[in-house]
């Protein structure tokens, strides 16, 4: 029996880091990375009916004129502040596995779940930026081993969050837990997301995660990517939701929208964009088809550009292609969130993509 799909979930890939919207020196509003701006955006997103907020976690920037993402708000403390001032929207934290012990994150996550009354989620990053981790004296593991360690991290979180305190034990090459104890436990398990695109990452996501954060080079490519995730999850008797991240920009005419994108790219920070693309490591699966110019808009976000009607149709096509959620990148986050509710949400409701 086929059940009707849930409506598309709307989220923001938040500007908790500097220059989040584009790897470019061109901008129309002051940088929105400060906490007060993030709080204002979060409240606007909640008022607009959005479903979640998703941050980037960075420990240093990528050089060039923008030093892309060089100033950033840490995402566990960031989430605690936003959960305290919102009432409905879900707030994720992005956590680098090599930097944290899972017993510590289990305690922090349960605290955040308590603050947000069940509205917190976690995005686990296995770690890829050699420069960041060399700064800390942390060794990057071989690619396949990174996701084995992340799987262990997830299993420890879930064990500490569900098993009676003092009874949880775990052995792995990376972590040993004896009599694991963490109170309070979350009322329900927080959703776990991962953005890896390699076969190793997708195998881990299919077995253990709730959300796959996917990178797609085109709308047409989306269906195959989401179908692959669902097929892998079904092999474990599970379902995994898929979220993509589009750079969404709309104007009164398509020409105006395309001209604005051209201005952003014309002022691209080629040094930072190159460092970002190089650091991702081609061959890992996530960004193999991306060019330098494609990386400028939201660091590889899928361009969804045009009039309001064109953009709504493209977002509906992403939903039809299997995306359950969108983590949108905006040129001007607060203003575009308010405009989205006015210009795009009614169109998406008419199309049956958003709930009425």
C-alpha atoms as a PDB file:
ATOM      1  CA  UNK A   1       0.000   0.000   0.000  1.00  0.00           C
ATOM      2  CA  UNK A   2       1.399   3.381  -1.023  1.00  0.00           C
ATOM      3  CA  UNK A   3       1.067   6.137   1.521  1.00  0.00           C
ATOM      4  CA  UNK A   4       0.919   9.777   0.379  1.00  0.00           C
ATOM      5  CA  UNK A   5       4.177  11.648   0.763  1.00  0.00           C
ATOM      6  CA  UNK A   6       4.573  14.151   3.512  1.00  0.00           C
ATOM      7  CA  UNK A   7       4.744  17.772   2.343  1.00  0.00           C
ATOM      8  CA  UNK A   8       8.124  19.255   1.526  1.00  0.00           C
ATOM      9  CA  UNK A   9      10.007  20.422   4.625  1.00  0.00           C
ATOM     10  CA  UNK A  10      11.635  23.835   4.361  1.00  0.00           C
ATOM     11  CA  UNK A  11      14.883  24.719   6.056  1.00  0.00           C
ATOM     12  CA  UNK A  12      17.725  27.184   5.958  1.00  0.00           C
ATOM     13  CA  UNK A  13      21.412  26.394   5.622  1.00  0.00           C
ATOM     14  CA  UNK A  14      22.067  29.127   8.145  1.00  0.00           C
ATOM     15  CA  UNK A  15      24.666  31.915   7.979  1.00  0.00           C
ATOM     16  CA  UNK A  16      26.346  31.095  11.287  1.00  0.00           C
ATOM     17  CA  UNK A  17      29.612  31.498   9.334  1.00  0.00           C
ATOM     18  CA  UNK A  18      30.886  34.571   7.495  1.00  0.00           C
ATOM     19  CA  UNK A  19      30.119  34.947   3.765  1.00  0.00           C
ATOM     20  CA  UNK A  20      27.858  31.901   3.885  1.00  0.00           C
ATOM     21  CA  UNK A  21      25.677  32.953   0.959  1.00  0.00           C
ATOM     22  CA  UNK A  22      28.441  32.978  -1.665  1.00  0.00           C
ATOM     23  CA  UNK A  23      32.204  32.730  -2.081  1.00  0.00           C
ATOM     24  CA  UNK A  24      32.146  36.239  -3.483  1.00  0.00           C
ATOM     25  CA  UNK A  25      32.940  39.791  -2.434  1.00  0.00           C
ATOM     26  CA  UNK A  26      29.604  40.986  -3.900  1.00  0.00           C
ATOM     27  CA  UNK A  27      26.835  41.378  -1.381  1.00  0.00           C
ATOM     28  CA  UNK A  28      23.611  43.350  -0.962  1.00  0.00           C
ATOM     29  CA  UNK A  29      23.324  43.258   2.855  1.00  0.00           C
ATOM     30  CA  UNK A  30      25.865  43.253   5.698  1.00  0.00           C
ATOM     31  CA  UNK A  31      27.226  39.820   6.549  1.00  0.00           C
ATOM     32  CA  UNK A  32      24.637  37.977   8.649  1.00  0.00           C
ATOM     33  CA  UNK A  33      26.924  35.703  10.689  1.00  0.00           C
ATOM     34  CA  UNK A  34      26.530  37.535  14.072  1.00  0.00           C
ATOM     35  CA  UNK A  35      24.241  35.848  16.586  1.00  0.00           C
ATOM     36  CA  UNK A  36      21.686  38.681  16.639  1.00  0.00           C
ATOM     37  CA  UNK A  37      21.269  38.302  12.876  1.00  0.00           C
ATOM     38  CA  UNK A  38      20.941  34.532  13.219  1.00  0.00           C
ATOM     39  CA  UNK A  39      18.299  34.976  15.919  1.00  0.00           C
ATOM     40  CA  UNK A  40      16.359  37.397  13.717  1.00  0.00           C
ATOM     41  CA  UNK A  41      16.538  34.947  10.803  1.00  0.00           C
ATOM     42  CA  UNK A  42      15.475  32.020  13.008  1.00  0.00           C
ATOM     43  CA  UNK A  43      12.415  33.896  14.253  1.00  0.00           C
ATOM     44  CA  UNK A  44      11.523  34.926  10.704  1.00  0.00           C
ATOM     45  CA  UNK A  45      11.874  31.314   9.527  1.00  0.00           C
ATOM     46  CA  UNK A  46       9.642  30.078  12.326  1.00  0.00           C
ATOM     47  CA  UNK A  47       7.046  32.741  11.489  1.00  0.00           C
ATOM     48  CA  UNK A  48       7.233  31.699   7.826  1.00  0.00           C
ATOM     49  CA  UNK A  49       6.410  28.101   8.733  1.00  0.00           C
ATOM     50  CA  UNK A  50       9.862  26.670   7.984  1.00  0.00           C
ATOM     51  CA  UNK A  51      10.714  23.337   9.567  1.00  0.00           C
ATOM     52  CA  UNK A  52      14.419  23.396  10.464  1.00  0.00           C
ATOM     53  CA  UNK A  53      17.639  25.352  10.706  1.00  0.00           C
ATOM     54  CA  UNK A  54      20.946  23.764   9.765  1.00  0.00           C
ATOM     55  CA  UNK A  55      24.399  25.239  10.512  1.00  0.00           C
ATOM     56  CA  UNK A  56      27.896  24.848   9.086  1.00  0.00           C
ATOM     57  CA  UNK A  57      30.691  23.878  11.462  1.00  0.00           C
ATOM     58  CA  UNK A  58      34.103  25.374  10.702  1.00  0.00           C
ATOM     59  CA  UNK A  59      37.264  25.947  12.699  1.00  0.00           C
ATOM     60  CA  UNK A  60      39.138  28.185  10.249  1.00  0.00           C
ATOM     61  CA  UNK A  61      38.545  29.943   6.933  1.00  0.00           C
ATOM     62  CA  UNK A  62      39.584  29.235   3.357  1.00  0.00           C
ATOM     63  CA  UNK A  63      41.687  32.288   2.607  1.00  0.00           C
ATOM     64  CA  UNK A  64      41.297  34.737  -0.246  1.00  0.00           C
ATOM     65  CA  UNK A  65      39.704  38.195   0.042  1.00  0.00           C
ATOM     66  CA  UNK A  66      36.643  36.759   1.835  1.00  0.00           C
ATOM     67  CA  UNK A  67      38.466  34.225   4.049  1.00  0.00           C
ATOM     68  CA  UNK A  68      35.326  32.225   3.347  1.00  0.00           C
ATOM     69  CA  UNK A  69      33.686  30.900   6.568  1.00  0.00           C
ATOM     70  CA  UNK A  70      36.627  32.241   8.574  1.00  0.00           C
ATOM     71  CA  UNK A  71      34.422  33.737  11.298  1.00  0.00           C
ATOM     72  CA  UNK A  72      31.907  31.269  12.677  1.00  0.00           C
ATOM     73  CA  UNK A  73      29.631  30.528  15.599  1.00  0.00           C
ATOM     74  CA  UNK A  74      30.151  27.068  17.137  1.00  0.00           C
ATOM     75  CA  UNK A  75      27.047  25.012  16.475  1.00  0.00           C
ATOM     76  CA  UNK A  76      26.232  23.313  19.784  1.00  0.00           C
ATOM     77  CA  UNK A  77      26.225  26.558  21.758  1.00  0.00           C
ATOM     78  CA  UNK A  78      24.558  28.301  18.776  1.00  0.00           C
ATOM     79  CA  UNK A  79      21.742  25.744  18.796  1.00  0.00           C
ATOM     80  CA  UNK A  80      21.157  26.160  22.534  1.00  0.00           C
ATOM     81  CA  UNK A  81      20.596  29.887  22.091  1.00  0.00           C
ATOM     82  CA  UNK A  82      18.238  29.484  19.127  1.00  0.00           C
ATOM     83  CA  UNK A  83      16.254  26.677  20.777  1.00  0.00           C
ATOM     84  CA  UNK A  84      15.726  28.951  23.779  1.00  0.00           C
ATOM     85  CA  UNK A  85      14.198  31.773  21.712  1.00  0.00           C
ATOM     86  CA  UNK A  86      12.070  29.661  19.320  1.00  0.00           C
ATOM     87  CA  UNK A  87       9.118  27.394  20.044  1.00  0.00           C
ATOM     88  CA  UNK A  88       8.382  25.223  17.007  1.00  0.00           C
ATOM     89  CA  UNK A  89      11.250  25.032  14.513  1.00  0.00           C
ATOM     90  CA  UNK A  90      13.863  22.238  14.734  1.00  0.00           C
ATOM     91  CA  UNK A  91      17.490  23.296  15.173  1.00  0.00           C
ATOM     92  CA  UNK A  92      20.402  21.053  14.178  1.00  0.00           C
ATOM     93  CA  UNK A  93      24.004  21.157  15.350  1.00  0.00           C
ATOM     94  CA  UNK A  94      26.819  20.113  13.042  1.00  0.00           C
ATOM     95  CA  UNK A  95      29.468  18.118  14.899  1.00  0.00           C
ATOM     96  CA  UNK A  96      32.890  17.040  13.648  1.00  0.00           C
ATOM     97  CA  UNK A  97      33.456  13.456  14.753  1.00  0.00           C
ATOM     98  CA  UNK A  98      37.284  13.782  15.085  1.00  0.00           C
ATOM     99  CA  UNK A  99      36.984  16.663  17.561  1.00  0.00           C
ATOM    100  CA  UNK A 100      34.418  15.351  20.072  1.00  0.00           C
ATOM    101  CA  UNK A 101      33.998  12.232  22.181  1.00  0.00           C
ATOM    102  CA  UNK A 102      30.541  10.675  21.675  1.00  0.00           C
ATOM    103  CA  UNK A 103      29.882  10.439  25.432  1.00  0.00           C
ATOM    104  CA  UNK A 104      30.346  14.226  25.647  1.00  0.00           C
ATOM    105  CA  UNK A 105      28.087  14.838  22.634  1.00  0.00           C
ATOM    106  CA  UNK A 106      25.441  12.496  24.069  1.00  0.00           C
ATOM    107  CA  UNK A 107      25.292  14.664  27.196  1.00  0.00           C
ATOM    108  CA  UNK A 108      25.313  17.915  25.220  1.00  0.00           C
ATOM    109  CA  UNK A 109      22.682  16.613  22.814  1.00  0.00           C
ATOM    110  CA  UNK A 110      20.372  15.475  25.581  1.00  0.00           C
ATOM    111  CA  UNK A 111      20.728  18.917  27.157  1.00  0.00           C
ATOM    112  CA  UNK A 112      19.788  20.558  23.856  1.00  0.00           C
ATOM    113  CA  UNK A 113      16.851  18.175  23.461  1.00  0.00           C
ATOM    114  CA  UNK A 114      15.716  19.230  26.941  1.00  0.00           C
ATOM    115  CA  UNK A 115      16.049  22.935  26.117  1.00  0.00           C
ATOM    116  CA  UNK A 116      14.183  22.561  22.831  1.00  0.00           C
ATOM    117  CA  UNK A 117      11.611  20.028  24.101  1.00  0.00           C
ATOM    118  CA  UNK A 118      12.442  17.552  21.357  1.00  0.00           C
ATOM    119  CA  UNK A 119      13.408  20.028  18.620  1.00  0.00           C
ATOM    120  CA  UNK A 120      17.149  19.359  18.373  1.00  0.00           C
ATOM    121  CA  UNK A 121      18.926  17.284  15.724  1.00  0.00           C
ATOM    122  CA  UNK A 122      22.546  16.476  14.902  1.00  0.00           C
ATOM    123  CA  UNK A 123      24.486  16.485  11.642  1.00  0.00           C
ATOM    124  CA  UNK A 124      27.640  14.375  11.964  1.00  0.00           C
ATOM    125  CA  UNK A 125      30.654  15.235   9.801  1.00  0.00           C
ATOM    126  CA  UNK A 126      33.349  12.600   9.495  1.00  0.00           C
ATOM    127  CA  UNK A 127      36.001  15.252   8.785  1.00  0.00           C
ATOM    128  CA  UNK A 128      37.733  16.249   5.571  1.00  0.00           C
ATOM    129  CA  UNK A 129      39.651  19.524   6.021  1.00  0.00           C
ATOM    130  CA  UNK A 130      43.263  18.578   6.675  1.00  0.00           C
ATOM    131  CA  UNK A 131      44.186  22.184   7.536  1.00  0.00           C
ATOM    132  CA  UNK A 132      41.561  22.377  10.270  1.00  0.00           C
ATOM    133  CA  UNK A 133      42.569  19.177  11.969  1.00  0.00           C
ATOM    134  CA  UNK A 134      46.311  19.686  11.575  1.00  0.00           C
ATOM    135  CA  UNK A 135      45.779  22.919  13.508  1.00  0.00           C
ATOM    136  CA  UNK A 136      44.569  20.758  16.414  1.00  0.00           C
ATOM    137  CA  UNK A 137      47.094  17.962  15.997  1.00  0.00           C
ATOM    138  CA  UNK A 138      44.250  15.609  15.023  1.00  0.00           C
ATOM    139  CA  UNK A 139      45.079  13.020  12.373  1.00  0.00           C
ATOM    140  CA  UNK A 140      42.662  12.481   9.483  1.00  0.00           C
ATOM    141  CA  UNK A 141      41.871   8.800   9.109  1.00  0.00           C
ATOM    142  CA  UNK A 142      41.801   7.005   5.735  1.00  0.00           C
ATOM    143  CA  UNK A 143      38.512   7.701   3.980  1.00  0.00           C
ATOM    144  CA  UNK A 144      36.788   4.360   4.589  1.00  0.00           C
ATOM    145  CA  UNK A 145      37.844   4.292   8.236  1.00  0.00           C
ATOM    146  CA  UNK A 146      36.339   7.744   8.832  1.00  0.00           C
ATOM    147  CA  UNK A 147      32.845   6.392   8.220  1.00  0.00           C
ATOM    148  CA  UNK A 148      33.472   3.280  10.306  1.00  0.00           C
ATOM    149  CA  UNK A 149      34.358   5.617  13.175  1.00  0.00           C
ATOM    150  CA  UNK A 150      31.274   7.759  12.493  1.00  0.00           C
ATOM    151  CA  UNK A 151      29.128   4.617  12.628  1.00  0.00           C
ATOM    152  CA  UNK A 152      30.631   3.820  16.027  1.00  0.00           C
ATOM    153  CA  UNK A 153      29.933   7.415  17.132  1.00  0.00           C
ATOM    154  CA  UNK A 154      26.249   7.052  16.159  1.00  0.00           C
ATOM    155  CA  UNK A 155      25.904   3.694  17.883  1.00  0.00           C
ATOM    156  CA  UNK A 156      27.320   5.136  21.095  1.00  0.00           C
ATOM    157  CA  UNK A 157      24.964   8.120  20.967  1.00  0.00           C
ATOM    158  CA  UNK A 158      21.977   5.861  20.432  1.00  0.00           C
ATOM    159  CA  UNK A 159      23.077   3.479  23.174  1.00  0.00           C
ATOM    160  CA  UNK A 160      23.554   6.223  25.739  1.00  0.00           C
ATOM    161  CA  UNK A 161      20.247   7.808  24.767  1.00  0.00           C
ATOM    162  CA  UNK A 162      18.198   4.598  25.031  1.00  0.00           C
ATOM    163  CA  UNK A 163      19.788   2.050  27.383  1.00  0.00           C
ATOM    164  CA  UNK A 164      19.521   2.115  31.189  1.00  0.00           C
ATOM    165  CA  UNK A 165      22.216   4.381  32.675  1.00  0.00           C
ATOM    166  CA  UNK A 166      25.353   2.559  33.724  1.00  0.00           C
ATOM    167  CA  UNK A 167      24.650  -0.507  31.567  1.00  0.00           C
ATOM    168  CA  UNK A 168      25.961   0.540  28.149  1.00  0.00           C
ATOM    169  CA  UNK A 169      29.302  -0.887  27.008  1.00  0.00           C
ATOM    170  CA  UNK A 170      30.961  -0.420  23.640  1.00  0.00           C
ATOM    171  CA  UNK A 171      34.254  -1.522  22.108  1.00  0.00           C
ATOM    172  CA  UNK A 172      35.760  -0.250  18.871  1.00  0.00           C
ATOM    173  CA  UNK A 173      39.187   0.773  17.565  1.00  0.00           C
ATOM    174  CA  UNK A 174      38.275   4.415  18.302  1.00  0.00           C
ATOM    175  CA  UNK A 175      36.089   4.377  21.422  1.00  0.00           C
ATOM    176  CA  UNK A 176      35.693   2.203  24.475  1.00  0.00           C
ATOM    177  CA  UNK A 177      32.750   2.889  26.766  1.00  0.00           C
ATOM    178  CA  UNK A 178      32.369   1.096  30.102  1.00  0.00           C
ATOM    179  CA  UNK A 179      29.187   1.448  32.095  1.00  0.00           C
ATOM    180  CA  UNK A 180      28.073   4.349  29.916  1.00  0.00           C
ATOM    181  CA  UNK A 181      25.908   6.790  31.863  1.00  0.00           C
ATOM    182  CA  UNK A 182      24.180   9.881  30.488  1.00  0.00           C
ATOM    183  CA  UNK A 183      21.164  11.537  32.077  1.00  0.00           C
ATOM    184  CA  UNK A 184      18.858  13.074  31.104  1.00  0.00           C
ATOM    185  CA  UNK A 185      18.073  10.971  28.080  1.00  0.00           C
ATOM    186  CA  UNK A 186      16.142  12.545  25.195  1.00  0.00           C
ATOM    187  CA  UNK A 187      12.400  11.926  25.235  1.00  0.00           C
ATOM    188  CA  UNK A 188      12.703  10.684  21.650  1.00  0.00           C
ATOM    189  CA  UNK A 189      15.838   9.998  19.639  1.00  0.00           C
ATOM    190  CA  UNK A 190      17.101  13.196  17.974  1.00  0.00           C
ATOM    191  CA  UNK A 191      17.305  12.877  14.173  1.00  0.00           C
ATOM    192  CA  UNK A 192      20.806  12.209  12.850  1.00  0.00           C
ATOM    193  CA  UNK A 193      21.980  13.548   9.493  1.00  0.00           C
ATOM    194  CA  UNK A 194      25.082  13.035   7.379  1.00  0.00           C
ATOM    195  CA  UNK A 195      26.198  14.669   4.142  1.00  0.00           C
ATOM    196  CA  UNK A 196      28.693  12.132   2.823  1.00  0.00           C
ATOM    197  CA  UNK A 197      28.369  11.192  -0.843  1.00  0.00           C
ATOM    198  CA  UNK A 198      30.847   8.331  -1.133  1.00  0.00           C
ATOM    199  CA  UNK A 199      29.774   4.666  -1.120  1.00  0.00           C
ATOM    200  CA  UNK A 200      31.222   4.298   2.407  1.00  0.00           C
ATOM    201  CA  UNK A 201      29.213   7.280   3.619  1.00  0.00           C
ATOM    202  CA  UNK A 202      25.986   6.177   1.947  1.00  0.00           C
ATOM    203  CA  UNK A 203      26.286   2.707   3.476  1.00  0.00           C
ATOM    204  CA  UNK A 204      26.615   4.261   6.924  1.00  0.00           C
ATOM    205  CA  UNK A 205      23.701   6.653   6.324  1.00  0.00           C
ATOM    206  CA  UNK A 206      21.459   3.850   5.076  1.00  0.00           C
ATOM    207  CA  UNK A 207      22.096   1.778   8.201  1.00  0.00           C
ATOM    208  CA  UNK A 208      22.123   4.413  10.946  1.00  0.00           C
ATOM    209  CA  UNK A 209      20.983   7.923   9.954  1.00  0.00           C
ATOM    210  CA  UNK A 210      17.597   9.586   9.566  1.00  0.00           C
ATOM    211  CA  UNK A 211      18.565  12.214   6.977  1.00  0.00           C
ATOM    212  CA  UNK A 212      20.885  12.092   3.988  1.00  0.00           C
ATOM    213  CA  UNK A 213      22.084  15.582   3.089  1.00  0.00           C
ATOM    214  CA  UNK A 214      22.738  15.192  -0.646  1.00  0.00           C
ATOM    215  CA  UNK A 215      24.577  17.327  -3.205  1.00  0.00           C
ATOM    216  CA  UNK A 216      23.055  17.255  -6.666  1.00  0.00           C
ATOM    217  CA  UNK A 217      24.544  19.014  -9.709  1.00  0.00           C
ATOM    218  CA  UNK A 218      21.142  19.423 -11.400  1.00  0.00           C
ATOM    219  CA  UNK A 219      17.430  18.973 -10.859  1.00  0.00           C
ATOM    220  CA  UNK A 220      17.452  16.106 -13.359  1.00  0.00           C
ATOM    221  CA  UNK A 221      20.122  14.240 -11.379  1.00  0.00           C
ATOM    222  CA  UNK A 222      18.127  14.367  -8.142  1.00  0.00           C
ATOM    223  CA  UNK A 223      15.863  11.367  -8.670  1.00  0.00           C
ATOM    224  CA  UNK A 224      18.717   8.898  -9.167  1.00  0.00           C
ATOM    225  CA  UNK A 225      20.568  10.213  -6.107  1.00  0.00           C
ATOM    226  CA  UNK A 226      17.553   9.983  -3.794  1.00  0.00           C
ATOM    227  CA  UNK A 227      16.497   6.588  -5.204  1.00  0.00           C
ATOM    228  CA  UNK A 228      19.961   5.237  -4.442  1.00  0.00           C
ATOM    229  CA  UNK A 229      19.711   6.358  -0.810  1.00  0.00           C
ATOM    230  CA  UNK A 230      16.262   4.828  -0.420  1.00  0.00           C
ATOM    231  CA  UNK A 231      17.298   1.539  -1.994  1.00  0.00           C
ATOM    232  CA  UNK A 232      20.284   1.283   0.333  1.00  0.00           C
ATOM    233  CA  UNK A 233      18.137   2.071   3.375  1.00  0.00           C
ATOM    234  CA  UNK A 234      15.459  -0.448   2.337  1.00  0.00           C
ATOM    235  CA  UNK A 235      18.109  -3.181   2.409  1.00  0.00           C
ATOM    236  CA  UNK A 236      18.294  -2.551   6.177  1.00  0.00           C
ATOM    237  CA  UNK A 237      14.518  -2.332   6.526  1.00  0.00           C
ATOM    238  CA  UNK A 238      14.767   1.403   7.105  1.00  0.00           C
ATOM    239  CA  UNK A 239      13.660   4.671   5.536  1.00  0.00           C
ATOM    240  CA  UNK A 240      15.973   7.668   5.229  1.00  0.00           C
ATOM    241  CA  UNK A 241      14.784  11.137   4.277  1.00  0.00           C
ATOM    242  CA  UNK A 242      16.760  13.186   1.759  1.00  0.00           C
ATOM    243  CA  UNK A 243      17.514  16.905   1.947  1.00  0.00           C
ATOM    244  CA  UNK A 244      19.252  18.986  -0.712  1.00  0.00           C
ATOM    245  CA  UNK A 245      20.661  22.489  -0.615  1.00  0.00           C
ATOM    246  CA  UNK A 246      19.635  24.932  -3.321  1.00  0.00           C
ATOM    247  CA  UNK A 247      20.778  28.523  -3.722  1.00  0.00           C
ATOM    248  CA  UNK A 248      17.390  30.197  -4.194  1.00  0.00           C
ATOM    249  CA  UNK A 249      17.186  33.605  -5.863  1.00  0.00           C
ATOM    250  CA  UNK A 250      14.172  35.137  -7.565  1.00  0.00           C
ATOM    251  CA  UNK A 251      13.393  38.498  -9.126  1.00  0.00           C
ATOM    252  CA  UNK A 252      10.543  40.054 -11.108  1.00  0.00           C
ATOM    253  CA  UNK A 253      12.039  38.757 -14.352  1.00  0.00           C
ATOM    254  CA  UNK A 254      14.350  35.882 -15.225  1.00  0.00           C
ATOM    255  CA  UNK A 255      16.830  38.305 -16.788  1.00  0.00           C
ATOM    256  CA  UNK A 256      17.060  40.273 -13.525  1.00  0.00           C
ATOM    257  CA  UNK A 257      17.681  37.094 -11.557  1.00  0.00           C
ATOM    258  CA  UNK A 258      20.345  35.839 -13.951  1.00  0.00           C
ATOM    259  CA  UNK A 259      22.036  39.238 -13.949  1.00  0.00           C
ATOM    260  CA  UNK A 260      22.256  39.141 -10.150  1.00  0.00           C
ATOM    261  CA  UNK A 261      23.840  35.689 -10.267  1.00  0.00           C
ATOM    262  CA  UNK A 262      26.304  36.942 -12.879  1.00  0.00           C
ATOM    263  CA  UNK A 263      27.314  39.778 -10.532  1.00  0.00           C
ATOM    264  CA  UNK A 264      27.930  37.319  -7.704  1.00  0.00           C
ATOM    265  CA  UNK A 265      30.110  35.107  -9.905  1.00  0.00           C
ATOM    266  CA  UNK A 266      31.927  38.057 -11.465  1.00  0.00           C
ATOM    267  CA  UNK A 267      33.143  38.976  -7.971  1.00  0.00           C
ATOM    268  CA  UNK A 268      33.977  35.428  -6.929  1.00  0.00           C
ATOM    269  CA  UNK A 269      36.810  34.810  -4.512  1.00  0.00           C
ATOM    270  CA  UNK A 270      38.713  32.376  -6.684  1.00  0.00           C
ATOM    271  CA  UNK A 271      41.312  31.666  -4.032  1.00  0.00           C
ATOM    272  CA  UNK A 272      38.783  30.645  -1.373  1.00  0.00           C
ATOM    273  CA  UNK A 273      36.608  28.752  -3.868  1.00  0.00           C
ATOM    274  CA  UNK A 274      39.639  26.827  -5.083  1.00  0.00           C
ATOM    275  CA  UNK A 275      40.746  26.024  -1.555  1.00  0.00           C
ATOM    276  CA  UNK A 276      37.239  24.851  -0.686  1.00  0.00           C
ATOM    277  CA  UNK A 277      36.984  22.606  -3.734  1.00  0.00           C
ATOM    278  CA  UNK A 278      40.499  21.223  -3.272  1.00  0.00           C
ATOM    279  CA  UNK A 279      39.871  20.523   0.395  1.00  0.00           C
ATOM    280  CA  UNK A 280      36.749  18.508  -0.349  1.00  0.00           C
ATOM    281  CA  UNK A 281      38.937  15.984  -2.145  1.00  0.00           C
ATOM    282  CA  UNK A 282      37.771  15.103  -5.625  1.00  0.00           C
ATOM    283  CA  UNK A 283      37.018  11.442  -5.972  1.00  0.00           C
ATOM    284  CA  UNK A 284      35.181  11.248  -2.664  1.00  0.00           C
ATOM    285  CA  UNK A 285      31.843  11.378  -4.487  1.00  0.00           C
ATOM    286  CA  UNK A 286      30.164  14.529  -3.213  1.00  0.00           C
ATOM    287  CA  UNK A 287      31.367  17.258  -5.583  1.00  0.00           C
ATOM    288  CA  UNK A 288      33.126  15.443  -8.422  1.00  0.00           C
ATOM    289  CA  UNK A 289      31.013  17.128 -11.126  1.00  0.00           C
ATOM    290  CA  UNK A 290      31.267  20.669  -9.761  1.00  0.00           C
ATOM    291  CA  UNK A 291      33.253  23.507 -11.378  1.00  0.00           C
ATOM    292  CA  UNK A 292      34.791  26.508  -9.642  1.00  0.00           C
ATOM    293  CA  UNK A 293      31.931  28.787 -10.699  1.00  0.00           C
ATOM    294  CA  UNK A 294      29.409  26.230  -9.416  1.00  0.00           C
ATOM    295  CA  UNK A 295      31.088  26.352  -6.018  1.00  0.00           C
ATOM    296  CA  UNK A 296      30.591  30.126  -5.690  1.00  0.00           C
ATOM    297  CA  UNK A 297      26.853  30.040  -4.937  1.00  0.00           C
ATOM    298  CA  UNK A 298      26.583  28.688  -1.417  1.00  0.00           C
ATOM    299  CA  UNK A 299      29.750  26.592  -1.831  1.00  0.00           C
ATOM    300  CA  UNK A 300      28.192  24.172  -4.272  1.00  0.00           C
ATOM    301  CA  UNK A 301      24.491  24.752  -3.669  1.00  0.00           C
ATOM    302  CA  UNK A 302      22.241  23.932  -6.625  1.00  0.00           C
ATOM    303  CA  UNK A 303      21.261  27.187  -8.390  1.00  0.00           C
ATOM    304  CA  UNK A 304      17.468  27.630  -8.383  1.00  0.00           C
ATOM    305  CA  UNK A 305      17.081  30.933 -10.183  1.00  0.00           C
ATOM    306  CA  UNK A 306      14.309  32.841 -11.979  1.00  0.00           C
ATOM    307  CA  UNK A 307      10.983  34.478 -11.330  1.00  0.00           C
ATOM    308  CA  UNK A 308       8.903  33.412  -8.339  1.00  0.00           C
ATOM    309  CA  UNK A 309       6.867  31.127 -10.590  1.00  0.00           C
ATOM    310  CA  UNK A 310       9.968  29.572 -12.145  1.00  0.00           C
ATOM    311  CA  UNK A 311      11.634  29.040  -8.796  1.00  0.00           C
ATOM    312  CA  UNK A 312       8.504  27.478  -7.302  1.00  0.00           C
ATOM    313  CA  UNK A 313       8.296  25.084 -10.255  1.00  0.00           C
ATOM    314  CA  UNK A 314      11.957  24.114  -9.807  1.00  0.00           C
ATOM    315  CA  UNK A 315      11.502  23.512  -6.087  1.00  0.00           C
ATOM    316  CA  UNK A 316       8.448  21.390  -6.872  1.00  0.00           C
ATOM    317  CA  UNK A 317      10.592  19.415  -9.337  1.00  0.00           C
ATOM    318  CA  UNK A 318      13.167  18.760  -6.606  1.00  0.00           C
ATOM    319  CA  UNK A 319      10.369  17.470  -4.401  1.00  0.00           C
ATOM    320  CA  UNK A 320       9.121  15.280  -7.249  1.00  0.00           C
ATOM    321  CA  UNK A 321      12.699  14.041  -7.623  1.00  0.00           C
ATOM    322  CA  UNK A 322      12.615  12.627  -4.117  1.00  0.00           C
ATOM    323  CA  UNK A 323      13.820  15.415  -1.839  1.00  0.00           C
ATOM    324  CA  UNK A 324      11.919  15.485   1.427  1.00  0.00           C
ATOM    325  CA  UNK A 325      13.528  18.713   2.638  1.00  0.00           C
ATOM    326  CA  UNK A 326      15.405  21.756   1.408  1.00  0.00           C
ATOM    327  CA  UNK A 327      18.237  23.521   3.200  1.00  0.00           C
ATOM    328  CA  UNK A 328      18.099  26.778   1.325  1.00  0.00           C
ATOM    329  CA  UNK A 329      20.903  29.265   0.869  1.00  0.00           C
ATOM    330  CA  UNK A 330      19.741  32.859   0.376  1.00  0.00           C
ATOM    331  CA  UNK A 331      21.589  35.945  -0.805  1.00  0.00           C
ATOM    332  CA  UNK A 332      20.014  37.974   2.028  1.00  0.00           C
ATOM    333  CA  UNK A 333      18.766  35.471   4.585  1.00  0.00           C
ATOM    334  CA  UNK A 334      16.356  37.503   6.675  1.00  0.00           C
ATOM    335  CA  UNK A 335      14.840  39.502   3.846  1.00  0.00           C
ATOM    336  CA  UNK A 336      14.576  36.485   1.545  1.00  0.00           C
ATOM    337  CA  UNK A 337      12.947  34.387   4.271  1.00  0.00           C
ATOM    338  CA  UNK A 338      10.232  37.030   4.617  1.00  0.00           C
ATOM    339  CA  UNK A 339       9.925  37.272   0.809  1.00  0.00           C
ATOM    340  CA  UNK A 340       9.738  33.483   0.485  1.00  0.00           C
ATOM    341  CA  UNK A 341       6.661  33.334   2.695  1.00  0.00           C
ATOM    342  CA  UNK A 342       5.051  36.106   0.649  1.00  0.00           C
ATOM    343  CA  UNK A 343       6.094  35.129  -2.884  1.00  0.00           C
ATOM    344  CA  UNK A 344       6.822  31.406  -2.986  1.00  0.00           C
ATOM    345  CA  UNK A 345       4.984  29.573  -0.210  1.00  0.00           C
ATOM    346  CA  UNK A 346       1.525  30.328  -1.695  1.00  0.00           C
ATOM    347  CA  UNK A 347       2.645  28.980  -5.073  1.00  0.00           C
ATOM    348  CA  UNK A 348       4.076  25.824  -3.507  1.00  0.00           C
ATOM    349  CA  UNK A 349       0.827  25.269  -1.590  1.00  0.00           C
ATOM    350  CA  UNK A 350      -1.144  25.577  -4.810  1.00  0.00           C
ATOM    351  CA  UNK A 351       1.133  22.935  -6.348  1.00  0.00           C
ATOM    352  CA  UNK A 352       0.493  20.576  -3.445  1.00  0.00           C
ATOM    353  CA  UNK A 353       4.138  20.673  -2.352  1.00  0.00           C
ATOM    354  CA  UNK A 354       3.653  22.470   0.985  1.00  0.00           C
ATOM    355  CA  UNK A 355       0.946  21.753   3.525  1.00  0.00           C
ATOM    356  CA  UNK A 356      -1.977  24.156   3.582  1.00  0.00           C
END
